[in-house]
Amino acid sequence: MLKTQRKERIDALAETAASDAGVSLAASAWRRLKRNPVFVVGAVIIAAFVLLALLAPVLAPHDPAQRLLEQQVSRADNTIPPPQEGFPFGGDQYGRDLFSRLLLGSQQTLLVAVLATVIGLGGGLVLGLLAGAFGGWVDAVVMRIADVMLSVPSLLLAVSIGALFAQQTQFTVILAVAIVQVPIFGRLLRGTMLAQRASDHVLAARALGVKESAIVFRHMLPNALGPVIVQATLVLAVAIIDAAALSFLGLGAADDSVPEWGQMLGGAQNIIDSHPQLAFWPAGCIILVALGFTLVGESLRDALDPKRRR
């Protein structure tokens, strides 16, 4: 009886191994991701956010800069327009449609987060590639620069960089957030590149006389990008929060006719005690979108890392 059960178990394992034969790492990871409810929830949040951002000009019922409800604003009584027909969230302290501003603000938030992450990823790839491929004094210099940048809290460093510009714009926010991310990507890629340098396939390529540039770009870099891509997904959430924090502190674009969630949150701070909904909606959007990118990033990490597979 025991031998029969053992034989059946071995046969089942053999069938499972045979069904997995020839499946790439990406296909195997995607198969696990589809069964992960955490990934599904995060992906739905991100898809809804991107879709709303792309369709915001079409979905927004009013111009976010027009003060259509200004006659309902009373400074003396500290009142703002309540929700009403055509204005589901009411208006802000200047009589502008809050719902339209939230929709158009998603565009600016997505733009800042994606561009900041792409620029930070590009800079980190350059530094990590130099340090991981050459080693020696190049590695020492690059990593010391990264250590200095990482020794400063990310938000404080971003605020310091943003304050250096004479005029704050959306581009200064993107640049400040991107510079903060460079050492994160650089250190991560450097570590994975160093691990690839000692791998068997790289040693075999060197023994066969393959050029160093070909080894770096064909053998080391492609195999080292997996963790960096996962980190980029997680950093998107941090970029959204950091960009909103800079705009909240007044280091974003001065023109509030183009809404941004952090900017809206900063504009509501003086009346948050009497009208908390002006801060609740943009803050809730920031938290929800950041949560979506975090859930997807953590799920990708679990799916691609053999030590974390469940």
C-alpha atoms as a PDB file:
ATOM      1  CA  MET A   1       0.000   0.000   0.000  1.00  0.00           C
ATOM      2  CA  LEU A   2       2.760   2.414   0.947  1.00  0.00           C
ATOM      3  CA  LYS A   3       4.741   1.548  -2.197  1.00  0.00           C
ATOM      4  CA  THR A   4       1.658   2.176  -4.345  1.00  0.00           C
ATOM      5  CA  GLN A   5       1.078   5.602  -2.817  1.00  0.00           C
ATOM      6  CA  ARG A   6       4.733   6.491  -3.240  1.00  0.00           C
ATOM      7  CA  LYS A   7       4.658   5.391  -6.888  1.00  0.00           C
ATOM      8  CA  GLU A   8       1.528   7.468  -7.554  1.00  0.00           C
ATOM      9  CA  ARG A   9       3.157  10.511  -5.963  1.00  0.00           C
ATOM     10  CA  ILE A  10       6.301  10.099  -8.061  1.00  0.00           C
ATOM     11  CA  ASP A  11       4.208   9.718 -11.211  1.00  0.00           C
ATOM     12  CA  ALA A  12       2.270  12.906 -10.363  1.00  0.00           C
ATOM     13  CA  LEU A  13       5.476  14.837  -9.827  1.00  0.00           C
ATOM     14  CA  ALA A  14       6.848  13.535 -13.112  1.00  0.00           C
ATOM     15  CA  GLU A  15       3.706  14.643 -14.953  1.00  0.00           C
ATOM     16  CA  THR A  16       3.965  18.098 -13.361  1.00  0.00           C
ATOM     17  CA  ALA A  17       7.613  18.401 -14.371  1.00  0.00           C
ATOM     18  CA  ALA A  18       6.782  17.281 -17.896  1.00  0.00           C
ATOM     19  CA  SER A  19       4.013  19.862 -18.181  1.00  0.00           C
ATOM     20  CA  ASP A  20       6.438  22.609 -17.045  1.00  0.00           C
ATOM     21  CA  ALA A  21       9.119  21.596 -19.541  1.00  0.00           C
ATOM     22  CA  GLY A  22      10.031  24.326 -21.986  1.00  0.00           C
ATOM     23  CA  VAL A  23       8.222  27.099 -20.070  1.00  0.00           C
ATOM     24  CA  SER A  24      10.202  30.323 -19.848  1.00  0.00           C
ATOM     25  CA  LEU A  25      10.689  32.255 -16.651  1.00  0.00           C
ATOM     26  CA  ALA A  26       8.337  34.993 -17.859  1.00  0.00           C
ATOM     27  CA  ALA A  27       5.604  32.503 -18.776  1.00  0.00           C
ATOM     28  CA  SER A  28       5.989  30.699 -15.471  1.00  0.00           C
ATOM     29  CA  ALA A  29       5.845  33.993 -13.561  1.00  0.00           C
ATOM     30  CA  TRP A  30       2.750  35.120 -15.478  1.00  0.00           C
ATOM     31  CA  ARG A  31       1.014  31.840 -14.689  1.00  0.00           C
ATOM     32  CA  ARG A  32       1.583  32.409 -10.989  1.00  0.00           C
ATOM     33  CA  LEU A  33       0.605  36.075 -11.192  1.00  0.00           C
ATOM     34  CA  LYS A  34      -2.772  35.261 -12.718  1.00  0.00           C
ATOM     35  CA  ARG A  35      -3.581  33.131  -9.691  1.00  0.00           C
ATOM     36  CA  ASN A  36      -2.428  35.780  -7.224  1.00  0.00           C
ATOM     37  CA  PRO A  37      -5.374  37.905  -5.992  1.00  0.00           C
ATOM     38  CA  VAL A  38      -2.978  40.592  -4.719  1.00  0.00           C
ATOM     39  CA  PHE A  39      -1.615  41.093  -8.233  1.00  0.00           C
ATOM     40  CA  VAL A  40      -5.107  41.135  -9.744  1.00  0.00           C
ATOM     41  CA  VAL A  41      -6.273  43.851  -7.340  1.00  0.00           C
ATOM     42  CA  GLY A  42      -3.168  45.959  -7.971  1.00  0.00           C
ATOM     43  CA  ALA A  43      -3.428  45.509 -11.744  1.00  0.00           C
ATOM     44  CA  VAL A  44      -7.092  46.568 -11.720  1.00  0.00           C
ATOM     45  CA  ILE A  45      -6.231  49.722  -9.748  1.00  0.00           C
ATOM     46  CA  ILE A  46      -3.380  50.614 -12.115  1.00  0.00           C
ATOM     47  CA  ALA A  47      -5.470  49.899 -15.225  1.00  0.00           C
ATOM     48  CA  ALA A  48      -8.309  52.083 -13.936  1.00  0.00           C
ATOM     49  CA  PHE A  49      -5.853  54.872 -13.058  1.00  0.00           C
ATOM     50  CA  VAL A  50      -4.168  54.817 -16.468  1.00  0.00           C
ATOM     51  CA  LEU A  51      -7.504  54.627 -18.289  1.00  0.00           C
ATOM     52  CA  LEU A  52      -8.930  57.576 -16.351  1.00  0.00           C
ATOM     53  CA  ALA A  53      -5.751  59.579 -16.937  1.00  0.00           C
ATOM     54  CA  LEU A  54      -5.852  58.954 -20.691  1.00  0.00           C
ATOM     55  CA  LEU A  55      -9.572  59.697 -20.992  1.00  0.00           C
ATOM     56  CA  ALA A  56      -9.621  62.568 -18.488  1.00  0.00           C
ATOM     57  CA  PRO A  57     -10.129  65.348 -21.107  1.00  0.00           C
ATOM     58  CA  VAL A  58     -13.143  63.445 -22.450  1.00  0.00           C
ATOM     59  CA  LEU A  59     -14.621  62.390 -19.087  1.00  0.00           C
ATOM     60  CA  ALA A  60     -14.170  65.724 -17.299  1.00  0.00           C
ATOM     61  CA  PRO A  61     -17.538  67.521 -17.477  1.00  0.00           C
ATOM     62  CA  HIS A  62     -16.103  71.030 -17.017  1.00  0.00           C
ATOM     63  CA  ASP A  63     -12.953  73.060 -17.514  1.00  0.00           C
ATOM     64  CA  PRO A  64     -10.937  72.592 -14.289  1.00  0.00           C
ATOM     65  CA  ALA A  65      -9.744  76.216 -14.404  1.00  0.00           C
ATOM     66  CA  GLN A  66     -13.159  77.875 -14.759  1.00  0.00           C
ATOM     67  CA  ARG A  67     -14.826  79.176 -11.599  1.00  0.00           C
ATOM     68  CA  LEU A  68     -18.302  78.057 -12.568  1.00  0.00           C
ATOM     69  CA  LEU A  69     -19.592  77.963  -8.979  1.00  0.00           C
ATOM     70  CA  GLU A  70     -17.871  81.089  -7.730  1.00  0.00           C
ATOM     71  CA  GLN A  71     -21.188  82.715  -6.766  1.00  0.00           C
ATOM     72  CA  GLN A  72     -21.730  79.930  -4.208  1.00  0.00           C
ATOM     73  CA  VAL A  73     -18.424  80.617  -2.441  1.00  0.00           C
ATOM     74  CA  SER A  74     -18.704  82.771   0.681  1.00  0.00           C
ATOM     75  CA  ARG A  75     -15.576  83.926   2.473  1.00  0.00           C
ATOM     76  CA  ALA A  76     -17.564  85.344   5.362  1.00  0.00           C
ATOM     77  CA  ASP A  77     -19.460  82.124   6.099  1.00  0.00           C
ATOM     78  CA  ASN A  78     -16.568  79.864   4.998  1.00  0.00           C
ATOM     79  CA  THR A  79     -18.790  77.934   2.622  1.00  0.00           C
ATOM     80  CA  ILE A  80     -17.997  76.215  -0.659  1.00  0.00           C
ATOM     81  CA  PRO A  81     -20.302  74.720  -3.308  1.00  0.00           C
ATOM     82  CA  PRO A  82     -21.784  71.384  -2.167  1.00  0.00           C
ATOM     83  CA  PRO A  83     -22.375  68.392  -4.467  1.00  0.00           C
ATOM     84  CA  GLN A  84     -25.144  69.188  -6.933  1.00  0.00           C
ATOM     85  CA  GLU A  85     -26.394  68.280 -10.384  1.00  0.00           C
ATOM     86  CA  GLY A  86     -23.526  68.382 -12.863  1.00  0.00           C
ATOM     87  CA  PHE A  87     -20.993  68.690 -10.040  1.00  0.00           C
ATOM     88  CA  PRO A  88     -20.926  65.312  -8.213  1.00  0.00           C
ATOM     89  CA  PHE A  89     -18.166  66.338  -5.779  1.00  0.00           C
ATOM     90  CA  GLY A  90     -19.128  69.979  -5.551  1.00  0.00           C
ATOM     91  CA  GLY A  91     -16.596  72.757  -5.951  1.00  0.00           C
ATOM     92  CA  ASP A  92     -13.400  73.916  -4.282  1.00  0.00           C
ATOM     93  CA  GLN A  93     -12.698  77.154  -2.411  1.00  0.00           C
ATOM     94  CA  TYR A  94     -12.576  79.051  -5.722  1.00  0.00           C
ATOM     95  CA  GLY A  95     -15.736  77.582  -7.210  1.00  0.00           C
ATOM     96  CA  ARG A  96     -14.009  75.191  -9.610  1.00  0.00           C
ATOM     97  CA  ASP A  97     -15.431  71.725 -10.280  1.00  0.00           C
ATOM     98  CA  LEU A  98     -13.669  69.324  -7.912  1.00  0.00           C
ATOM     99  CA  PHE A  99     -14.521  66.206  -9.940  1.00  0.00           C
ATOM    100  CA  SER A 100     -13.018  67.625 -13.143  1.00  0.00           C
ATOM    101  CA  ARG A 101      -9.899  68.702 -11.281  1.00  0.00           C
ATOM    102  CA  LEU A 102      -9.449  65.207  -9.857  1.00  0.00           C
ATOM    103  CA  LEU A 103      -9.737  63.654 -13.309  1.00  0.00           C
ATOM    104  CA  LEU A 104      -7.310  66.079 -14.954  1.00  0.00           C
ATOM    105  CA  GLY A 105      -4.983  65.801 -11.944  1.00  0.00           C
ATOM    106  CA  SER A 106      -4.543  62.095 -12.652  1.00  0.00           C
ATOM    107  CA  GLN A 107      -2.836  63.004 -15.937  1.00  0.00           C
ATOM    108  CA  GLN A 108      -0.219  65.167 -14.236  1.00  0.00           C
ATOM    109  CA  THR A 109       0.364  62.576 -11.515  1.00  0.00           C
ATOM    110  CA  LEU A 110       0.860  59.796 -14.068  1.00  0.00           C
ATOM    111  CA  LEU A 111       3.155  61.983 -16.177  1.00  0.00           C
ATOM    112  CA  VAL A 112       5.354  62.963 -13.237  1.00  0.00           C
ATOM    113  CA  ALA A 113       5.584  59.411 -11.846  1.00  0.00           C
ATOM    114  CA  VAL A 114       6.400  57.732 -15.168  1.00  0.00           C
ATOM    115  CA  LEU A 115       8.905  60.329 -16.387  1.00  0.00           C
ATOM    116  CA  ALA A 116      10.660  60.529 -13.011  1.00  0.00           C
ATOM    117  CA  THR A 117      10.952  56.732 -12.846  1.00  0.00           C
ATOM    118  CA  VAL A 118      12.193  56.462 -16.437  1.00  0.00           C
ATOM    119  CA  ILE A 119      14.835  59.171 -15.916  1.00  0.00           C
ATOM    120  CA  GLY A 120      15.902  57.675 -12.584  1.00  0.00           C
ATOM    121  CA  LEU A 121      16.033  54.202 -14.122  1.00  0.00           C
ATOM    122  CA  GLY A 122      18.159  55.464 -17.017  1.00  0.00           C
ATOM    123  CA  GLY A 123      20.642  57.178 -14.715  1.00  0.00           C
ATOM    124  CA  GLY A 124      20.762  54.178 -12.394  1.00  0.00           C
ATOM    125  CA  LEU A 125      21.386  51.812 -15.309  1.00  0.00           C
ATOM    126  CA  VAL A 126      24.376  53.883 -16.411  1.00  0.00           C
ATOM    127  CA  LEU A 127      25.910  53.987 -12.931  1.00  0.00           C
ATOM    128  CA  GLY A 128      25.146  50.356 -12.136  1.00  0.00           C
ATOM    129  CA  LEU A 129      26.490  49.213 -15.493  1.00  0.00           C
ATOM    130  CA  LEU A 130      29.751  51.081 -14.981  1.00  0.00           C
ATOM    131  CA  ALA A 131      30.215  49.802 -11.434  1.00  0.00           C
ATOM    132  CA  GLY A 132      29.157  46.218 -12.103  1.00  0.00           C
ATOM    133  CA  ALA A 133      30.933  45.755 -15.416  1.00  0.00           C
ATOM    134  CA  PHE A 134      34.317  47.327 -14.651  1.00  0.00           C
ATOM    135  CA  GLY A 135      34.658  47.042 -10.865  1.00  0.00           C
ATOM    136  CA  GLY A 136      37.844  48.366  -9.279  1.00  0.00           C
ATOM    137  CA  TRP A 137      38.183  52.107  -8.805  1.00  0.00           C
ATOM    138  CA  VAL A 138      35.158  52.787 -11.040  1.00  0.00           C
ATOM    139  CA  ASP A 139      32.998  50.688  -8.732  1.00  0.00           C
ATOM    140  CA  ALA A 140      34.454  52.425  -5.656  1.00  0.00           C
ATOM    141  CA  VAL A 141      33.816  55.950  -6.978  1.00  0.00           C
ATOM    142  CA  VAL A 142      30.279  55.239  -8.196  1.00  0.00           C
ATOM    143  CA  MET A 143      29.261  53.481  -5.004  1.00  0.00           C
ATOM    144  CA  ARG A 144      30.647  56.217  -2.763  1.00  0.00           C
ATOM    145  CA  ILE A 145      28.543  58.749  -4.655  1.00  0.00           C
ATOM    146  CA  ALA A 146      25.530  56.487  -4.247  1.00  0.00           C
ATOM    147  CA  ASP A 147      26.266  56.078  -0.523  1.00  0.00           C
ATOM    148  CA  VAL A 148      26.320  59.844  -0.022  1.00  0.00           C
ATOM    149  CA  MET A 149      22.975  60.246  -1.797  1.00  0.00           C
ATOM    150  CA  LEU A 150      21.392  57.335   0.062  1.00  0.00           C
ATOM    151  CA  SER A 151      22.560  58.720   3.411  1.00  0.00           C
ATOM    152  CA  VAL A 152      20.083  61.594   3.010  1.00  0.00           C
ATOM    153  CA  PRO A 153      16.353  60.760   3.407  1.00  0.00           C
ATOM    154  CA  SER A 154      14.764  60.603  -0.035  1.00  0.00           C
ATOM    155  CA  LEU A 155      12.086  63.233   0.573  1.00  0.00           C
ATOM    156  CA  LEU A 156      14.568  65.636   2.171  1.00  0.00           C
ATOM    157  CA  LEU A 157      16.938  65.183  -0.762  1.00  0.00           C
ATOM    158  CA  ALA A 158      14.112  65.774  -3.247  1.00  0.00           C
ATOM    159  CA  VAL A 159      13.049  68.942  -1.403  1.00  0.00           C
ATOM    160  CA  SER A 160      16.656  70.184  -1.374  1.00  0.00           C
ATOM    161  CA  ILE A 161      17.034  69.553  -5.107  1.00  0.00           C
ATOM    162  CA  GLY A 162      13.697  71.191  -5.898  1.00  0.00           C
ATOM    163  CA  ALA A 163      14.578  74.263  -3.822  1.00  0.00           C
ATOM    164  CA  LEU A 164      17.757  74.821  -5.885  1.00  0.00           C
ATOM    165  CA  PHE A 165      15.739  75.974  -8.895  1.00  0.00           C
ATOM    166  CA  ALA A 166      14.852  79.652  -9.137  1.00  0.00           C
ATOM    167  CA  GLN A 167      11.402  78.832 -10.531  1.00  0.00           C
ATOM    168  CA  GLN A 168       9.502  75.701  -9.597  1.00  0.00           C
ATOM    169  CA  THR A 169       7.718  73.901 -12.435  1.00  0.00           C
ATOM    170  CA  GLN A 170       6.468  70.419 -13.166  1.00  0.00           C
ATOM    171  CA  PHE A 171       9.832  69.637 -14.745  1.00  0.00           C
ATOM    172  CA  THR A 172      11.699  70.519 -11.549  1.00  0.00           C
ATOM    173  CA  VAL A 173       9.491  68.077  -9.634  1.00  0.00           C
ATOM    174  CA  ILE A 174      10.223  65.337 -12.170  1.00  0.00           C
ATOM    175  CA  LEU A 175      13.956  66.042 -12.037  1.00  0.00           C
ATOM    176  CA  ALA A 176      14.078  66.149  -8.227  1.00  0.00           C
ATOM    177  CA  VAL A 177      12.236  62.832  -7.849  1.00  0.00           C
ATOM    178  CA  ALA A 178      14.314  61.203 -10.617  1.00  0.00           C
ATOM    179  CA  ILE A 179      17.675  62.177  -9.069  1.00  0.00           C
ATOM    180  CA  VAL A 180      16.606  60.621  -5.770  1.00  0.00           C
ATOM    181  CA  GLN A 181      15.900  57.321  -7.535  1.00  0.00           C
ATOM    182  CA  VAL A 182      19.209  57.090  -9.428  1.00  0.00           C
ATOM    183  CA  PRO A 183      21.315  55.587  -6.578  1.00  0.00           C
ATOM    184  CA  ILE A 184      18.574  53.058  -5.778  1.00  0.00           C
ATOM    185  CA  PHE A 185      18.598  51.623  -9.284  1.00  0.00           C
ATOM    186  CA  GLY A 186      22.379  51.968  -9.574  1.00  0.00           C
ATOM    187  CA  ARG A 187      23.123  49.993  -6.411  1.00  0.00           C
ATOM    188  CA  LEU A 188      20.616  47.284  -7.295  1.00  0.00           C
ATOM    189  CA  LEU A 189      21.946  46.810 -10.827  1.00  0.00           C
ATOM    190  CA  ARG A 190      25.521  46.856  -9.575  1.00  0.00           C
ATOM    191  CA  GLY A 191      24.777  44.007  -7.164  1.00  0.00           C
ATOM    192  CA  THR A 192      23.091  41.857  -9.801  1.00  0.00           C
ATOM    193  CA  MET A 193      25.862  42.593 -12.299  1.00  0.00           C
ATOM    194  CA  LEU A 194      28.523  41.503  -9.810  1.00  0.00           C
ATOM    195  CA  ALA A 195      26.598  38.285  -9.236  1.00  0.00           C
ATOM    196  CA  GLN A 196      26.518  37.694 -12.998  1.00  0.00           C
ATOM    197  CA  ARG A 197      30.289  38.246 -13.304  1.00  0.00           C
ATOM    198  CA  ALA A 198      30.919  35.113 -11.255  1.00  0.00           C
ATOM    199  CA  SER A 199      28.320  32.971 -13.032  1.00  0.00           C
ATOM    200  CA  ASP A 200      29.293  29.940 -15.114  1.00  0.00           C
ATOM    201  CA  HIS A 201      28.058  31.242 -18.464  1.00  0.00           C
ATOM    202  CA  VAL A 202      30.072  34.470 -18.117  1.00  0.00           C
ATOM    203  CA  LEU A 203      33.214  32.540 -17.155  1.00  0.00           C
ATOM    204  CA  ALA A 204      32.665  30.229 -20.118  1.00  0.00           C
ATOM    205  CA  ALA A 205      32.273  33.206 -22.470  1.00  0.00           C
ATOM    206  CA  ARG A 206      35.541  34.694 -21.215  1.00  0.00           C
ATOM    207  CA  ALA A 207      37.289  31.352 -21.645  1.00  0.00           C
ATOM    208  CA  LEU A 208      36.111  31.257 -25.262  1.00  0.00           C
ATOM    209  CA  GLY A 209      37.615  34.677 -25.908  1.00  0.00           C
ATOM    210  CA  VAL A 210      34.345  36.647 -26.247  1.00  0.00           C
ATOM    211  CA  LYS A 211      34.859  40.421 -26.142  1.00  0.00           C
ATOM    212  CA  GLU A 212      34.196  42.117 -22.814  1.00  0.00           C
ATOM    213  CA  SER A 213      31.580  44.448 -24.301  1.00  0.00           C
ATOM    214  CA  ALA A 214      29.678  41.480 -25.710  1.00  0.00           C
ATOM    215  CA  ILE A 215      29.855  39.698 -22.365  1.00  0.00           C
ATOM    216  CA  VAL A 216      28.468  42.756 -20.560  1.00  0.00           C
ATOM    217  CA  PHE A 217      25.615  43.562 -22.942  1.00  0.00           C
ATOM    218  CA  ARG A 218      24.675  40.057 -24.118  1.00  0.00           C
ATOM    219  CA  HIS A 219      25.275  37.883 -21.072  1.00  0.00           C
ATOM    220  CA  MET A 220      25.389  40.007 -17.927  1.00  0.00           C
ATOM    221  CA  LEU A 221      22.985  42.911 -18.461  1.00  0.00           C
ATOM    222  CA  PRO A 222      19.931  40.965 -19.762  1.00  0.00           C
ATOM    223  CA  ASN A 223      20.127  38.537 -16.832  1.00  0.00           C
ATOM    224  CA  ALA A 224      20.537  41.380 -14.315  1.00  0.00           C
ATOM    225  CA  LEU A 225      17.552  43.470 -15.397  1.00  0.00           C
ATOM    226  CA  GLY A 226      14.834  41.356 -13.753  1.00  0.00           C
ATOM    227  CA  PRO A 227      15.184  42.743 -10.208  1.00  0.00           C
ATOM    228  CA  VAL A 228      15.621  46.267 -11.604  1.00  0.00           C
ATOM    229  CA  ILE A 229      12.326  46.081 -13.498  1.00  0.00           C
ATOM    230  CA  VAL A 230      10.553  44.851 -10.381  1.00  0.00           C
ATOM    231  CA  GLN A 231      12.104  47.702  -8.393  1.00  0.00           C
ATOM    232  CA  ALA A 232      10.904  50.189 -11.022  1.00  0.00           C
ATOM    233  CA  THR A 233       7.317  49.085 -10.380  1.00  0.00           C
ATOM    234  CA  LEU A 234       7.755  49.664  -6.647  1.00  0.00           C
ATOM    235  CA  VAL A 235       9.507  52.988  -7.208  1.00  0.00           C
ATOM    236  CA  LEU A 236       6.533  54.250  -9.223  1.00  0.00           C
ATOM    237  CA  ALA A 237       4.513  54.258  -6.014  1.00  0.00           C
ATOM    238  CA  VAL A 238       7.264  56.168  -4.195  1.00  0.00           C
ATOM    239  CA  ALA A 239       7.517  58.631  -7.104  1.00  0.00           C
ATOM    240  CA  ILE A 240       3.805  59.414  -6.871  1.00  0.00           C
ATOM    241  CA  ILE A 241       4.068  60.095  -3.142  1.00  0.00           C
ATOM    242  CA  ASP A 242       7.269  62.152  -3.422  1.00  0.00           C
ATOM    243  CA  ALA A 243       5.906  64.234  -6.305  1.00  0.00           C
ATOM    244  CA  ALA A 244       2.714  64.895  -4.358  1.00  0.00           C
ATOM    245  CA  ALA A 245       4.772  65.871  -1.317  1.00  0.00           C
ATOM    246  CA  LEU A 246       6.819  68.375  -3.327  1.00  0.00           C
ATOM    247  CA  SER A 247       3.694  69.918  -4.814  1.00  0.00           C
ATOM    248  CA  PHE A 248       2.106  70.004  -1.363  1.00  0.00           C
ATOM    249  CA  LEU A 249       5.108  71.928  -0.036  1.00  0.00           C
ATOM    250  CA  GLY A 250       4.853  74.475  -2.839  1.00  0.00           C
ATOM    251  CA  LEU A 251       7.776  73.182  -4.910  1.00  0.00           C
ATOM    252  CA  GLY A 252       5.616  72.155  -7.853  1.00  0.00           C
ATOM    253  CA  ALA A 253       4.079  74.193 -10.653  1.00  0.00           C
ATOM    254  CA  ALA A 254       2.817  77.560  -9.423  1.00  0.00           C
ATOM    255  CA  ASP A 255      -0.051  77.653 -11.947  1.00  0.00           C
ATOM    256  CA  ASP A 256      -2.975  75.793 -10.359  1.00  0.00           C
ATOM    257  CA  SER A 257      -5.108  76.036 -13.497  1.00  0.00           C
ATOM    258  CA  VAL A 258      -3.497  72.697 -14.423  1.00  0.00           C
ATOM    259  CA  PRO A 259      -4.475  70.547 -11.413  1.00  0.00           C
ATOM    260  CA  GLU A 260      -2.254  67.964  -9.718  1.00  0.00           C
ATOM    261  CA  TRP A 261      -3.254  65.867  -6.729  1.00  0.00           C
ATOM    262  CA  GLY A 262      -0.452  67.019  -4.450  1.00  0.00           C
ATOM    263  CA  GLN A 263      -1.109  70.619  -5.422  1.00  0.00           C
ATOM    264  CA  MET A 264      -4.822  70.191  -4.641  1.00  0.00           C
ATOM    265  CA  LEU A 265      -3.924  68.690  -1.290  1.00  0.00           C
ATOM    266  CA  GLY A 266      -1.687  71.643  -0.462  1.00  0.00           C
ATOM    267  CA  GLY A 267      -4.359  74.135  -1.474  1.00  0.00           C
ATOM    268  CA  ALA A 268      -6.859  72.535   0.902  1.00  0.00           C
ATOM    269  CA  GLN A 269      -4.673  72.592   4.003  1.00  0.00           C
ATOM    270  CA  ASN A 270      -5.933  75.980   5.245  1.00  0.00           C
ATOM    271  CA  ILE A 271      -9.577  74.895   5.266  1.00  0.00           C
ATOM    272  CA  ILE A 272      -9.213  71.195   5.993  1.00  0.00           C
ATOM    273  CA  ASP A 273     -10.915  71.573   9.380  1.00  0.00           C
ATOM    274  CA  SER A 274     -14.131  72.946   7.866  1.00  0.00           C
ATOM    275  CA  HIS A 275     -14.054  71.237   4.455  1.00  0.00           C
ATOM    276  CA  PRO A 276     -12.103  67.963   4.807  1.00  0.00           C
ATOM    277  CA  GLN A 277     -13.476  66.611   1.516  1.00  0.00           C
ATOM    278  CA  LEU A 278     -11.153  68.934  -0.416  1.00  0.00           C
ATOM    279  CA  ALA A 279      -8.197  67.020   1.043  1.00  0.00           C
ATOM    280  CA  PHE A 280      -9.885  63.627   1.310  1.00  0.00           C
ATOM    281  CA  TRP A 281     -10.416  63.079  -2.422  1.00  0.00           C
ATOM    282  CA  PRO A 282      -6.898  63.896  -3.699  1.00  0.00           C
ATOM    283  CA  ALA A 283      -5.275  62.158  -0.722  1.00  0.00           C
ATOM    284  CA  GLY A 284      -7.442  59.077  -1.275  1.00  0.00           C
ATOM    285  CA  CYS A 285      -6.483  58.986  -4.973  1.00  0.00           C
ATOM    286  CA  ILE A 286      -2.771  59.234  -4.115  1.00  0.00           C
ATOM    287  CA  ILE A 287      -3.005  56.438  -1.544  1.00  0.00           C
ATOM    288  CA  LEU A 288      -5.055  54.164  -3.800  1.00  0.00           C
ATOM    289  CA  VAL A 289      -2.795  54.501  -6.844  1.00  0.00           C
ATOM    290  CA  ALA A 290       0.385  54.102  -4.773  1.00  0.00           C
ATOM    291  CA  LEU A 291      -1.157  50.980  -3.224  1.00  0.00           C
ATOM    292  CA  GLY A 292      -1.880  49.564  -6.693  1.00  0.00           C
ATOM    293  CA  PHE A 293       1.741  49.927  -7.848  1.00  0.00           C
ATOM    294  CA  THR A 294       2.989  48.510  -4.548  1.00  0.00           C
ATOM    295  CA  LEU A 295       0.770  45.423  -4.808  1.00  0.00           C
ATOM    296  CA  VAL A 296       1.878  44.760  -8.388  1.00  0.00           C
ATOM    297  CA  GLY A 297       5.545  45.276  -7.517  1.00  0.00           C
ATOM    298  CA  GLU A 298       5.427  42.930  -4.540  1.00  0.00           C
ATOM    299  CA  SER A 299       3.607  40.305  -6.607  1.00  0.00           C
ATOM    300  CA  LEU A 300       6.205  40.562  -9.376  1.00  0.00           C
ATOM    301  CA  ARG A 301       8.986  40.154  -6.817  1.00  0.00           C
ATOM    302  CA  ASP A 302       7.369  37.021  -5.410  1.00  0.00           C
ATOM    303  CA  ALA A 303       6.783  35.571  -8.878  1.00  0.00           C
ATOM    304  CA  LEU A 304      10.280  36.198 -10.249  1.00  0.00           C
ATOM    305  CA  ASP A 305      12.323  35.395  -7.151  1.00  0.00           C
ATOM    306  CA  PRO A 306      12.621  31.604  -6.604  1.00  0.00           C
ATOM    307  CA  LYS A 307      13.184  32.135  -2.880  1.00  0.00           C
ATOM    308  CA  ARG A 308       9.863  34.001  -2.565  1.00  0.00           C
ATOM    309  CA  ARG A 309       7.663  31.782  -4.699  1.00  0.00           C
ATOM    310  CA  ARG A 310       4.564  30.552  -2.975  1.00  0.00           C
END
